[in-house]
């Protein structure tokens, strides 16, 4: 993620995207709804890329950048 969109800088995590949703004129519930809509739209990316002929090795490389498991963290890590 190249944009600083939340209170935790460029962390590509759900908690960060939702942390300052009011800046975008959204309540937390509205922001969660928008995020769910986007996630629904991109959840089939692997199949889409496969249908378009993208090589399996390339899909594996892209998997690290497109919604890695860490994205789904709902809480920030505890401070040391």
N, C-alpha and C. Protein backbone atom coordinates (compact mmCIF):
# COMPACT_ATOMS: atom_id res chain seq x y z
N UNK A 1 0.84 -1.16 0.00
CA UNK A 1 0.00 0.00 0.00
C UNK A 1 0.89 1.23 0.00
N UNK A 2 0.71 2.07 -0.94
CA UNK A 2 1.56 3.24 -1.09
C UNK A 2 0.94 4.49 -0.47
N UNK A 3 -0.29 4.41 -0.04
CA UNK A 3 -0.96 5.58 0.52
C UNK A 3 -1.07 5.48 2.03
N UNK A 4 -0.89 6.60 2.68
CA UNK A 4 -1.14 6.66 4.11
C UNK A 4 -2.62 6.99 4.28
N UNK A 5 -3.40 6.02 4.72
CA UNK A 5 -4.85 6.22 4.79
C UNK A 5 -5.42 6.15 6.20
N UNK A 6 -4.62 5.76 7.16
CA UNK A 6 -5.15 5.60 8.50
C UNK A 6 -4.18 6.02 9.57
N UNK A 7 -4.56 5.75 10.78
CA UNK A 7 -3.77 6.15 11.95
C UNK A 7 -2.47 5.36 12.08
N UNK A 8 -2.32 4.29 11.29
CA UNK A 8 -1.15 3.43 11.39
C UNK A 8 -0.31 3.48 10.11
N UNK A 9 -0.28 4.67 9.50
CA UNK A 9 0.57 4.87 8.33
C UNK A 9 0.13 4.06 7.13
N UNK A 10 1.10 3.37 6.53
CA UNK A 10 0.83 2.61 5.31
C UNK A 10 0.54 1.14 5.58
N UNK A 11 0.24 0.79 6.81
CA UNK A 11 -0.05 -0.62 7.13
C UNK A 11 -1.28 -1.08 6.35
N UNK A 12 -1.08 -2.09 5.52
CA UNK A 12 -2.18 -2.63 4.70
C UNK A 12 -2.96 -3.64 5.53
N UNK A 13 -3.72 -3.11 6.46
CA UNK A 13 -4.51 -3.93 7.38
C UNK A 13 -5.90 -3.33 7.51
N UNK A 14 -6.88 -4.17 7.78
CA UNK A 14 -8.24 -3.67 7.95
C UNK A 14 -8.32 -2.61 9.03
N UNK A 15 -7.67 -2.88 10.16
CA UNK A 15 -7.77 -1.92 11.26
C UNK A 15 -7.27 -0.54 10.84
N UNK A 16 -6.27 -0.49 9.99
CA UNK A 16 -5.75 0.81 9.55
C UNK A 16 -6.72 1.49 8.60
N UNK A 17 -7.25 0.75 7.65
CA UNK A 17 -8.19 1.35 6.70
C UNK A 17 -9.42 1.93 7.40
N UNK A 18 -9.84 1.29 8.47
CA UNK A 18 -11.04 1.73 9.18
C UNK A 18 -10.75 2.78 10.26
N UNK A 19 -9.48 2.98 10.59
CA UNK A 19 -9.13 3.81 11.74
C UNK A 19 -9.48 5.29 11.59
N UNK A 20 -9.54 5.77 10.37
CA UNK A 20 -9.87 7.19 10.16
C UNK A 20 -10.95 7.35 9.09
N UNK A 21 -11.93 6.50 9.15
CA UNK A 21 -12.98 6.50 8.12
C UNK A 21 -13.76 7.82 8.09
N UNK A 22 -13.79 8.54 9.19
CA UNK A 22 -14.53 9.80 9.22
C UNK A 22 -13.93 10.85 8.27
N UNK A 23 -12.64 10.74 7.99
CA UNK A 23 -12.00 11.65 7.05
C UNK A 23 -12.65 11.53 5.67
N UNK A 24 -13.14 10.35 5.37
CA UNK A 24 -13.79 10.09 4.09
C UNK A 24 -15.30 10.27 4.15
N UNK A 25 -15.77 10.82 5.27
CA UNK A 25 -17.20 11.07 5.43
C UNK A 25 -18.01 9.82 5.71
N UNK A 26 -17.36 8.80 6.28
CA UNK A 26 -18.04 7.54 6.55
C UNK A 26 -18.07 7.23 8.03
N UNK A 27 -19.17 6.68 8.48
CA UNK A 27 -19.21 6.13 9.83
C UNK A 27 -18.45 4.80 9.80
N UNK A 28 -18.14 4.26 10.96
CA UNK A 28 -17.44 2.99 11.01
C UNK A 28 -18.26 1.89 10.33
N UNK A 29 -19.56 1.86 10.58
CA UNK A 29 -20.41 0.85 9.94
C UNK A 29 -20.43 1.01 8.43
N UNK A 30 -20.51 2.24 7.95
CA UNK A 30 -20.52 2.49 6.50
C UNK A 30 -19.18 2.08 5.89
N UNK A 31 -18.08 2.39 6.57
CA UNK A 31 -16.75 2.02 6.08
C UNK A 31 -16.60 0.51 6.02
N UNK A 32 -17.09 -0.18 7.04
CA UNK A 32 -17.03 -1.64 7.03
C UNK A 32 -17.83 -2.21 5.87
N UNK A 33 -18.97 -1.61 5.59
CA UNK A 33 -19.79 -2.05 4.46
C UNK A 33 -19.05 -1.85 3.14
N UNK A 34 -18.42 -0.69 2.96
CA UNK A 34 -17.67 -0.41 1.73
C UNK A 34 -16.50 -1.37 1.59
N UNK A 35 -15.81 -1.63 2.68
CA UNK A 35 -14.69 -2.56 2.64
C UNK A 35 -15.17 -3.96 2.26
N UNK A 36 -16.28 -4.40 2.83
CA UNK A 36 -16.83 -5.71 2.48
C UNK A 36 -17.20 -5.78 1.00
N UNK A 37 -17.72 -4.69 0.46
CA UNK A 37 -18.07 -4.64 -0.96
C UNK A 37 -16.82 -4.80 -1.83
N UNK A 38 -15.76 -4.12 -1.48
CA UNK A 38 -14.51 -4.22 -2.25
C UNK A 38 -13.94 -5.64 -2.13
N UNK A 39 -13.93 -6.18 -0.93
CA UNK A 39 -13.39 -7.53 -0.74
C UNK A 39 -14.19 -8.56 -1.53
N UNK A 40 -15.49 -8.39 -1.59
CA UNK A 40 -16.33 -9.29 -2.38
C UNK A 40 -15.96 -9.20 -3.86
N UNK A 41 -15.69 -8.00 -4.32
CA UNK A 41 -15.36 -7.79 -5.74
C UNK A 41 -14.03 -8.42 -6.12
N UNK A 42 -13.06 -8.45 -5.22
CA UNK A 42 -11.73 -8.95 -5.58
C UNK A 42 -11.44 -10.37 -5.10
N UNK A 43 -12.38 -10.99 -4.41
CA UNK A 43 -12.07 -12.30 -3.83
C UNK A 43 -11.78 -13.38 -4.87
N UNK A 44 -12.25 -13.23 -6.09
CA UNK A 44 -12.00 -14.22 -7.12
C UNK A 44 -10.85 -13.86 -8.04
N UNK A 45 -9.91 -13.07 -7.55
CA UNK A 45 -8.82 -12.60 -8.41
C UNK A 45 -7.97 -13.73 -8.97
N UNK A 46 -7.71 -14.79 -8.17
CA UNK A 46 -6.88 -15.89 -8.65
C UNK A 46 -7.51 -16.56 -9.87
N UNK A 47 -8.79 -16.84 -9.76
CA UNK A 47 -9.51 -17.48 -10.86
C UNK A 47 -9.53 -16.57 -12.09
N UNK A 48 -9.77 -15.29 -11.86
CA UNK A 48 -9.79 -14.32 -12.96
C UNK A 48 -8.46 -14.31 -13.70
N UNK A 49 -7.36 -14.23 -12.94
CA UNK A 49 -6.04 -14.19 -13.57
C UNK A 49 -5.79 -15.49 -14.32
N UNK A 50 -6.19 -16.63 -13.75
CA UNK A 50 -6.02 -17.92 -14.41
C UNK A 50 -6.78 -17.97 -15.72
N UNK A 51 -8.01 -17.46 -15.72
CA UNK A 51 -8.81 -17.43 -16.95
C UNK A 51 -8.18 -16.56 -18.03
N UNK A 52 -7.44 -15.56 -17.61
CA UNK A 52 -6.79 -14.64 -18.55
C UNK A 52 -5.40 -15.13 -18.98
N UNK A 53 -5.00 -16.30 -18.51
CA UNK A 53 -3.74 -16.89 -18.94
C UNK A 53 -2.51 -16.49 -18.17
N UNK A 54 -2.68 -15.86 -17.02
CA UNK A 54 -1.52 -15.49 -16.21
C UNK A 54 -0.90 -16.78 -15.66
N UNK A 55 0.40 -16.90 -15.80
CA UNK A 55 1.11 -18.11 -15.36
C UNK A 55 0.96 -18.32 -13.86
N UNK A 56 0.92 -19.59 -13.48
CA UNK A 56 0.75 -19.95 -12.07
C UNK A 56 1.83 -19.33 -11.18
N UNK A 57 3.06 -19.33 -11.66
CA UNK A 57 4.16 -18.74 -10.88
C UNK A 57 3.95 -17.25 -10.62
N UNK A 58 3.42 -16.58 -11.61
CA UNK A 58 3.14 -15.14 -11.45
C UNK A 58 2.02 -14.92 -10.44
N UNK A 59 1.01 -15.78 -10.47
CA UNK A 59 -0.08 -15.68 -9.50
C UNK A 59 0.45 -15.88 -8.09
N UNK A 60 1.37 -16.83 -7.92
CA UNK A 60 1.95 -17.06 -6.60
C UNK A 60 2.72 -15.84 -6.10
N UNK A 61 3.42 -15.17 -6.99
CA UNK A 61 4.15 -13.95 -6.61
C UNK A 61 3.16 -12.85 -6.24
N UNK A 62 2.12 -12.68 -7.04
CA UNK A 62 1.13 -11.64 -6.77
C UNK A 62 0.36 -11.89 -5.48
N UNK A 63 0.24 -13.14 -5.12
CA UNK A 63 -0.51 -13.49 -3.90
C UNK A 63 0.05 -12.80 -2.66
N UNK A 64 1.35 -12.52 -2.68
CA UNK A 64 1.98 -11.83 -1.55
C UNK A 64 1.53 -10.38 -1.43
N UNK A 65 1.05 -9.81 -2.54
CA UNK A 65 0.66 -8.41 -2.55
C UNK A 65 -0.85 -8.20 -2.54
N UNK A 66 -1.60 -9.13 -3.07
CA UNK A 66 -3.05 -8.97 -3.17
C UNK A 66 -3.71 -9.65 -1.98
N UNK A 67 -4.15 -8.85 -1.06
CA UNK A 67 -4.85 -9.31 0.14
C UNK A 67 -4.15 -10.47 0.85
N UNK A 68 -2.94 -10.22 1.35
CA UNK A 68 -2.27 -11.25 2.14
C UNK A 68 -3.06 -11.50 3.42
N UNK A 69 -2.85 -12.65 4.06
CA UNK A 69 -3.58 -12.94 5.30
C UNK A 69 -3.49 -11.83 6.35
N UNK A 70 -2.36 -11.14 6.39
CA UNK A 70 -2.19 -10.07 7.38
C UNK A 70 -3.17 -8.92 7.16
N UNK A 71 -3.70 -8.77 5.94
CA UNK A 71 -4.65 -7.70 5.67
C UNK A 71 -5.87 -7.79 6.58
N UNK A 72 -6.25 -9.01 6.93
CA UNK A 72 -7.49 -9.23 7.66
C UNK A 72 -7.38 -8.98 9.17
N UNK A 73 -6.23 -8.53 9.64
CA UNK A 73 -6.07 -8.19 11.05
C UNK A 73 -7.06 -7.07 11.40
N UNK A 74 -7.84 -7.30 12.42
CA UNK A 74 -8.84 -6.32 12.82
C UNK A 74 -8.39 -5.42 13.95
N UNK A 75 -7.31 -5.80 14.61
CA UNK A 75 -6.77 -5.02 15.74
C UNK A 75 -5.29 -4.75 15.50
N UNK A 76 -4.83 -3.55 15.86
CA UNK A 76 -3.39 -3.27 15.72
C UNK A 76 -2.60 -4.09 16.73
N UNK A 77 -1.32 -4.32 16.44
CA UNK A 77 -0.48 -5.05 17.40
C UNK A 77 -0.29 -4.23 18.66
N UNK A 78 -0.02 -4.90 19.73
CA UNK A 78 0.23 -4.23 21.01
C UNK A 78 1.59 -3.54 20.96
N UNK A 79 1.67 -2.35 21.52
CA UNK A 79 2.93 -1.62 21.59
C UNK A 79 3.90 -2.35 22.50
N UNK A 80 5.16 -2.22 22.20
CA UNK A 80 6.19 -2.87 23.04
C UNK A 80 6.46 -2.07 24.27
